[in-house]
C-alpha atoms as a PDB file:
ATOM      1  CA  MET A   1     114.508  87.734  81.114  1.00  0.00           C
ATOM      2  CA  ASN A   2     115.955  90.370  78.764  1.00  0.00           C
ATOM      3  CA  PRO A   3     116.567  93.920  79.952  1.00  0.00           C
ATOM      4  CA  TYR A   4     117.117  94.817  76.298  1.00  0.00           C
ATOM      5  CA  ARG A   5     113.878  94.186  75.768  1.00  0.00           C
ATOM      6  CA  GLY A   6     112.543  96.033  78.796  1.00  0.00           C
ATOM      7  CA  GLU A   7     111.896  92.870  80.359  1.00  0.00           C
ATOM      8  CA  VAL A   8     111.117  92.500  84.302  1.00  0.00           C
ATOM      9  CA  MET A   9     110.715  89.808  86.651  1.00  0.00           C
ATOM     10  CA  LEU A  10     107.782  89.552  89.087  1.00  0.00           C
ATOM     11  CA  VAL A  11     107.026  86.535  91.024  1.00  0.00           C
ATOM     12  CA  LEU A  12     103.461  85.441  91.522  1.00  0.00           C
ATOM     13  CA  ASN A  13     102.456  82.858  93.616  1.00  0.00           C
ATOM     14  CA  GLY A  14     106.105  81.573  93.456  1.00  0.00           C
ATOM     15  CA  GLU A  15     106.289  81.514  89.829  1.00  0.00           C
ATOM     16  CA  ALA A  16     108.449  84.071  87.844  1.00  0.00           C
ATOM     17  CA  GLN A  17     106.650  85.940  85.406  1.00  0.00           C
ATOM     18  CA  VAL A  18     108.225  88.355  82.697  1.00  0.00           C
ATOM     19  CA  MET A  19     106.718  91.750  82.445  1.00  0.00           C
ATOM     20  CA  ARG A  20     107.533  93.913  79.196  1.00  0.00           C
ATOM     21  CA  LEU A  21     105.324  96.810  77.888  1.00  0.00           C
ATOM     22  CA  THR A  22     104.722  96.416  74.797  1.00  0.00           C
ATOM     23  CA  LEU A  23     102.952  99.057  72.426  1.00  0.00           C
ATOM     24  CA  GLY A  24      99.392  97.280  73.069  1.00  0.00           C
ATOM     25  CA  ALA A  25     100.218  97.339  76.992  1.00  0.00           C
ATOM     26  CA  LEU A  26     101.016 100.874  77.024  1.00  0.00           C
ATOM     27  CA  ALA A  27      97.957 101.680  74.833  1.00  0.00           C
ATOM     28  CA  GLU A  28      95.925  99.300  78.005  1.00  0.00           C
ATOM     29  CA  LEU A  29      97.814 101.095  80.738  1.00  0.00           C
ATOM     30  CA  GLU A  30      96.792 104.288  79.108  1.00  0.00           C
ATOM     31  CA  SER A  31      93.339 103.614  78.856  1.00  0.00           C
ATOM     32  CA  ALA A  32      92.798 102.139  82.568  1.00  0.00           C
ATOM     33  CA  LEU A  33      94.410 105.022  84.151  1.00  0.00           C
ATOM     34  CA  LYS A  34      93.105 107.686  82.077  1.00  0.00           C
ATOM     35  CA  THR A  35      95.770 109.414  81.005  1.00  0.00           C
ATOM     36  CA  GLY A  36      96.006 111.699  77.938  1.00  0.00           C
ATOM     37  CA  SER A  37      99.774 110.727  76.573  1.00  0.00           C
ATOM     38  CA  LEU A  38     102.307 108.646  77.603  1.00  0.00           C
ATOM     39  CA  LEU A  39     103.955 111.470  78.835  1.00  0.00           C
ATOM     40  CA  ALA A  40     101.069 112.095  81.280  1.00  0.00           C
ATOM     41  CA  LEU A  41     101.279 108.631  82.346  1.00  0.00           C
ATOM     42  CA  VAL A  42     105.267 108.486  83.195  1.00  0.00           C
ATOM     43  CA  GLU A  43     105.027 112.088  84.832  1.00  0.00           C
ATOM     44  CA  ARG A  44     102.068 110.298  87.164  1.00  0.00           C
ATOM     45  CA  PHE A  45     104.381 107.512  88.552  1.00  0.00           C
ATOM     46  CA  GLU A  46     107.487 109.881  88.644  1.00  0.00           C
ATOM     47  CA  GLN A  47     106.036 112.123  91.029  1.00  0.00           C
ATOM     48  CA  GLY A  48     104.530 109.483  93.359  1.00  0.00           C
ATOM     49  CA  SER A  49     101.147 110.574  92.328  1.00  0.00           C
ATOM     50  CA  PHE A  50      99.882 106.921  91.904  1.00  0.00           C
ATOM     51  CA  SER A  51      97.768 104.680  93.954  1.00  0.00           C
ATOM     52  CA  ALA A  52      97.684 101.319  94.448  1.00  0.00           C
ATOM     53  CA  SER A  53      95.055 100.443  91.947  1.00  0.00           C
ATOM     54  CA  ASP A  54      97.562 102.174  89.495  1.00  0.00           C
ATOM     55  CA  LEU A  55     100.651 100.299  90.285  1.00  0.00           C
ATOM     56  CA  VAL A  56      98.056  97.007  89.645  1.00  0.00           C
ATOM     57  CA  ALA A  57      97.266  98.442  86.029  1.00  0.00           C
ATOM     58  CA  LEU A  58     100.853  98.837  85.667  1.00  0.00           C
ATOM     59  CA  LEU A  59     101.950  95.289  86.678  1.00  0.00           C
ATOM     60  CA  LEU A  60      98.675  93.900  84.625  1.00  0.00           C
ATOM     61  CA  ALA A  61      99.873  95.580  81.370  1.00  0.00           C
ATOM     62  CA  GLY A  62     103.458  94.639  82.321  1.00  0.00           C
ATOM     63  CA  LEU A  63     102.154  90.971  82.387  1.00  0.00           C
ATOM     64  CA  ARG A  64     100.080  90.718  79.521  1.00  0.00           C
ATOM     65  CA  GLY A  65     102.844  92.576  77.356  1.00  0.00           C
ATOM     66  CA  GLY A  66     104.958  89.596  78.886  1.00  0.00           C
ATOM     67  CA  GLY A  67     102.592  86.813  77.249  1.00  0.00           C
ATOM     68  CA  ALA A  68     100.853  86.106  80.349  1.00  0.00           C
ATOM     69  CA  ASP A  69      97.156  85.486  80.241  1.00  0.00           C
ATOM     70  CA  ILE A  70      96.072  86.881  83.608  1.00  0.00           C
ATOM     71  CA  ASP A  71      93.109  89.213  84.529  1.00  0.00           C
ATOM     72  CA  ARG A  72      92.893  91.976  87.231  1.00  0.00           C
ATOM     73  CA  ALA A  73      90.950  89.623  89.747  1.00  0.00           C
ATOM     74  CA  THR A  74      93.755  87.094  89.466  1.00  0.00           C
ATOM     75  CA  LEU A  75      96.334  89.318  90.049  1.00  0.00           C
ATOM     76  CA  ASN A  76      94.841  91.624  92.989  1.00  0.00           C
ATOM     77  CA  ALA A  77      94.540  87.771  94.572  1.00  0.00           C
ATOM     78  CA  ALA A  78      98.243  86.847  94.136  1.00  0.00           C
ATOM     79  CA  GLU A  79     100.855  86.405  96.134  1.00  0.00           C
ATOM     80  CA  ILE A  80     103.639  88.857  95.268  1.00  0.00           C
ATOM     81  CA  LYS A  81     107.410  87.988  96.465  1.00  0.00           C
ATOM     82  CA  GLY A  82     108.403  90.973  98.427  1.00  0.00           C
ATOM     83  CA  GLY A  83     105.250  92.456  98.677  1.00  0.00           C
ATOM     84  CA  ALA A  84     103.963  95.717  98.048  1.00  0.00           C
ATOM     85  CA  VAL A  85     107.703  97.042  97.699  1.00  0.00           C
ATOM     86  CA  ALA A  86     108.815  94.485  95.726  1.00  0.00           C
ATOM     87  CA  ALA A  87     105.984  95.167  93.463  1.00  0.00           C
ATOM     88  CA  ALA A  88     106.238  99.041  93.660  1.00  0.00           C
ATOM     89  CA  GLN A  89     110.197  98.404  92.366  1.00  0.00           C
ATOM     90  CA  ALA A  90     109.117  96.130  89.498  1.00  0.00           C
ATOM     91  CA  GLY A  91     106.700  98.463  88.303  1.00  0.00           C
ATOM     92  CA  ALA A  92     109.286 101.756  88.688  1.00  0.00           C
ATOM     93  CA  LEU A  93     111.633  99.322  86.927  1.00  0.00           C
ATOM     94  CA  LEU A  94     109.411  98.223  83.969  1.00  0.00           C
ATOM     95  CA  LEU A  95     108.027 101.686  83.361  1.00  0.00           C
ATOM     96  CA  LYS A  96     112.017 102.989  83.359  1.00  0.00           C
ATOM     97  CA  ARG A  97     113.391 100.179  80.899  1.00  0.00           C
ATOM     98  CA  ALA A  98     110.307 100.652  78.963  1.00  0.00           C
ATOM     99  CA  PHE A  99     111.552 104.531  78.471  1.00  0.00           C
ATOM    100  CA  THR A 100     115.567 104.668  78.488  1.00  0.00           C
ATOM    101  CA  LEU A 101     117.802 103.222  76.242  1.00  0.00           C
ATOM    102  CA  PRO A 102     119.497  99.804  77.341  1.00  0.00           C
ATOM    103  CA  ASP A 103     123.006 101.173  78.426  1.00  0.00           C
ATOM    104  CA  ALA A 104     121.170 103.453  80.655  1.00  0.00           C
ATOM    105  CA  VAL A 105     119.146 100.837  82.508  1.00  0.00           C
END
């Protein structure tokens, strides 16, 4: 895992997975969440106005951006080490690393 590339680790079903928000992953996320811009997307999460479904969309985009071949149903059924709290923390870190300079992370 390389935080300078914006990578974040998430453990699914006992296996470590690398998440990364590539440009394609961000476009997928924008479309899934029906946000008009990247800024609106980030603000939605910063303001805490996101749902569990939004979090799943974020994690799914990050996992795909990290190279995982996974669909939403598989992610929904997966066991995330640390549960919902760890998932939310990983999602927050994923967004932070995607939109800040490496020295700031």
